[in-house]
C-alpha cells in the first residue's frame, strides 16, 4: 500500500490529468429513470463501472479514491475509509475489488 501511495504522490497535479479519454462512450449515463437513487441502483452502477474498468483497462491493482459510501458499496460494510484517501485495491475480471494487503 505504501508503494501505491508513493507512486500516486508522483502523479501530475489534478488539472493536468486527462479525465476525458477514460470515460465510457455513453458518459454521463442517462439518469432519467433515477436508477442510482436507491441503494441497489447505486451498488449496481458501481459494479457496472468496475466491470467496465476491468474489461477496458489492463491494470489489476488500482487506487480507489472516492466518497465513503461508494467505497463501502464496492468493498463491503466492514471498511471504514476516509473520503478522498487513496486505497490500493485488486481489480478482478468480474468487476469486484478487494483491498491489497
C-alpha atoms as a PDB file:
ATOM      1  CA  UNK A   1       0.000   0.000   0.000  1.00  0.00           C
ATOM      2  CA  UNK A   2       2.831   2.401   0.837  1.00  0.00           C
ATOM      3  CA  UNK A   3       4.312   1.895  -2.656  1.00  0.00           C
ATOM      4  CA  UNK A   4       0.960   2.708  -4.307  1.00  0.00           C
ATOM      5  CA  UNK A   5       0.581   5.862  -2.196  1.00  0.00           C
ATOM      6  CA  UNK A   6       4.177   6.842  -3.009  1.00  0.00           C
ATOM      7  CA  UNK A   7       3.522   6.281  -6.726  1.00  0.00           C
ATOM      8  CA  UNK A   8       0.317   8.335  -6.549  1.00  0.00           C
ATOM      9  CA  UNK A   9       2.163  11.259  -4.979  1.00  0.00           C
ATOM     10  CA  UNK A  10       4.372  11.408  -8.079  1.00  0.00           C
ATOM     11  CA  UNK A  11       1.410  11.823 -10.440  1.00  0.00           C
ATOM     12  CA  UNK A  12       0.758  15.151 -12.168  1.00  0.00           C
ATOM     13  CA  UNK A  13      -1.495  17.661 -10.452  1.00  0.00           C
ATOM     14  CA  UNK A  14      -5.217  17.072 -10.999  1.00  0.00           C
ATOM     15  CA  UNK A  15      -5.591  19.872 -13.536  1.00  0.00           C
ATOM     16  CA  UNK A  16      -3.047  18.082 -15.771  1.00  0.00           C
ATOM     17  CA  UNK A  17      -4.784  14.676 -15.741  1.00  0.00           C
ATOM     18  CA  UNK A  18      -6.779  13.669 -18.821  1.00  0.00           C
ATOM     19  CA  UNK A  19     -10.171  12.591 -17.482  1.00  0.00           C
ATOM     20  CA  UNK A  20     -11.936  12.570 -20.840  1.00  0.00           C
ATOM     21  CA  UNK A  21     -10.184   9.674 -22.594  1.00  0.00           C
ATOM     22  CA  UNK A  22     -11.096   7.157 -19.866  1.00  0.00           C
ATOM     23  CA  UNK A  23     -14.822   7.919 -19.804  1.00  0.00           C
ATOM     24  CA  UNK A  24     -17.158   5.346 -21.377  1.00  0.00           C
ATOM     25  CA  UNK A  25     -18.752   6.388 -24.675  1.00  0.00           C
ATOM     26  CA  UNK A  26     -22.158   6.772 -23.017  1.00  0.00           C
ATOM     27  CA  UNK A  27     -20.895   9.089 -20.234  1.00  0.00           C
ATOM     28  CA  UNK A  28     -22.642  10.706 -18.469  1.00  0.00           C
ATOM     29  CA  UNK A  29     -25.245   7.955 -18.142  1.00  0.00           C
ATOM     30  CA  UNK A  30     -28.931   8.669 -18.628  1.00  0.00           C
ATOM     31  CA  UNK A  31     -30.288   9.382 -15.146  1.00  0.00           C
ATOM     32  CA  UNK A  32     -33.875   9.966 -16.253  1.00  0.00           C
ATOM     33  CA  UNK A  33     -35.054   6.754 -14.584  1.00  0.00           C
ATOM     34  CA  UNK A  34     -33.201   7.611 -11.315  1.00  0.00           C
ATOM     35  CA  UNK A  35     -31.712   4.138 -11.043  1.00  0.00           C
ATOM     36  CA  UNK A  36     -28.948   5.332  -8.717  1.00  0.00           C
ATOM     37  CA  UNK A  37     -31.362   6.937  -6.244  1.00  0.00           C
ATOM     38  CA  UNK A  38     -31.828   3.612  -4.477  1.00  0.00           C
ATOM     39  CA  UNK A  39     -29.112   1.698  -2.627  1.00  0.00           C
ATOM     40  CA  UNK A  40     -29.455  -1.282  -5.012  1.00  0.00           C
ATOM     41  CA  UNK A  41     -29.282   1.004  -8.021  1.00  0.00           C
ATOM     42  CA  UNK A  42     -26.174   2.721  -6.640  1.00  0.00           C
ATOM     43  CA  UNK A  43     -24.487  -0.617  -5.971  1.00  0.00           C
ATOM     44  CA  UNK A  44     -25.388  -1.808  -9.468  1.00  0.00           C
ATOM     45  CA  UNK A  45     -23.960   1.369 -11.004  1.00  0.00           C
ATOM     46  CA  UNK A  46     -20.713   0.960  -9.054  1.00  0.00           C
ATOM     47  CA  UNK A  47     -20.427  -2.677 -10.134  1.00  0.00           C
ATOM     48  CA  UNK A  48     -21.115  -1.748 -13.779  1.00  0.00           C
ATOM     49  CA  UNK A  49     -18.342   0.843 -13.628  1.00  0.00           C
ATOM     50  CA  UNK A  50     -15.853  -1.598 -12.065  1.00  0.00           C
ATOM     51  CA  UNK A  51     -16.771  -4.267 -14.636  1.00  0.00           C
ATOM     52  CA  UNK A  52     -16.217  -1.743 -17.442  1.00  0.00           C
ATOM     53  CA  UNK A  53     -12.886  -0.775 -15.876  1.00  0.00           C
ATOM     54  CA  UNK A  54     -11.811  -4.428 -15.642  1.00  0.00           C
ATOM     55  CA  UNK A  55     -12.710  -5.024 -19.295  1.00  0.00           C
ATOM     56  CA  UNK A  56     -11.237  -1.830 -20.728  1.00  0.00           C
ATOM     57  CA  UNK A  57      -8.014  -1.441 -18.727  1.00  0.00           C
ATOM     58  CA  UNK A  58      -5.089  -3.798 -18.263  1.00  0.00           C
ATOM     59  CA  UNK A  59      -4.228  -2.707 -14.714  1.00  0.00           C
ATOM     60  CA  UNK A  60      -5.204  -5.090 -11.932  1.00  0.00           C
ATOM     61  CA  UNK A  61      -4.053  -3.006  -8.970  1.00  0.00           C
ATOM     62  CA  UNK A  62      -5.923   0.261  -8.837  1.00  0.00           C
ATOM     63  CA  UNK A  63      -6.174   3.183  -6.440  1.00  0.00           C
ATOM     64  CA  UNK A  64      -9.740   3.870  -5.379  1.00  0.00           C
ATOM     65  CA  UNK A  65     -10.346   7.499  -4.411  1.00  0.00           C
ATOM     66  CA  UNK A  66     -13.963   8.435  -3.886  1.00  0.00           C
ATOM     67  CA  UNK A  67     -16.540   9.083  -1.202  1.00  0.00           C
ATOM     68  CA  UNK A  68     -17.103   6.890   1.852  1.00  0.00           C
ATOM     69  CA  UNK A  69     -20.415   5.352   0.697  1.00  0.00           C
ATOM     70  CA  UNK A  70     -19.070   4.492  -2.756  1.00  0.00           C
ATOM     71  CA  UNK A  71     -16.025   2.755  -1.281  1.00  0.00           C
ATOM     72  CA  UNK A  72     -18.198   0.914   1.225  1.00  0.00           C
ATOM     73  CA  UNK A  73     -20.591  -0.210  -1.515  1.00  0.00           C
ATOM     74  CA  UNK A  74     -17.675  -1.548  -3.574  1.00  0.00           C
ATOM     75  CA  UNK A  75     -15.679  -3.186  -0.762  1.00  0.00           C
ATOM     76  CA  UNK A  76     -18.331  -4.063   1.821  1.00  0.00           C
ATOM     77  CA  UNK A  77     -19.660  -2.677   5.071  1.00  0.00           C
ATOM     78  CA  UNK A  78     -16.607  -3.613   7.166  1.00  0.00           C
ATOM     79  CA  UNK A  79     -14.488  -0.912   5.523  1.00  0.00           C
ATOM     80  CA  UNK A  80     -14.142   2.470   7.263  1.00  0.00           C
ATOM     81  CA  UNK A  81     -12.397   4.623   4.626  1.00  0.00           C
ATOM     82  CA  UNK A  82     -11.610   8.309   4.747  1.00  0.00           C
ATOM     83  CA  UNK A  83     -13.018  10.493   1.954  1.00  0.00           C
ATOM     84  CA  UNK A  84     -10.600  11.134  -0.925  1.00  0.00           C
ATOM     85  CA  UNK A  85      -7.831   8.996   0.581  1.00  0.00           C
ATOM     86  CA  UNK A  86      -6.272   6.507  -1.878  1.00  0.00           C
ATOM     87  CA  UNK A  87      -6.989   2.852  -1.116  1.00  0.00           C
ATOM     88  CA  UNK A  88      -4.998   0.212  -3.022  1.00  0.00           C
ATOM     89  CA  UNK A  89      -7.319  -2.479  -4.393  1.00  0.00           C
ATOM     90  CA  UNK A  90      -7.028  -5.576  -6.561  1.00  0.00           C
ATOM     91  CA  UNK A  91      -9.421  -5.391  -9.540  1.00  0.00           C
ATOM     92  CA  UNK A  92     -10.777  -8.726 -10.766  1.00  0.00           C
ATOM     93  CA  UNK A  93     -12.161  -9.530 -14.208  1.00  0.00           C
ATOM     94  CA  UNK A  94     -15.698  -9.923 -12.799  1.00  0.00           C
ATOM     95  CA  UNK A  95     -15.723  -6.280 -11.677  1.00  0.00           C
ATOM     96  CA  UNK A  96     -15.114  -6.952  -7.992  1.00  0.00           C
ATOM     97  CA  UNK A  97     -12.364  -5.340  -5.947  1.00  0.00           C
ATOM     98  CA  UNK A  98     -10.589  -6.335  -2.731  1.00  0.00           C
ATOM     99  CA  UNK A  99      -8.158  -4.431  -0.540  1.00  0.00           C
ATOM    100  CA  UNK A 100      -4.489  -5.040  -1.267  1.00  0.00           C
ATOM    101  CA  UNK A 101      -2.872  -6.095   2.000  1.00  0.00           C
END
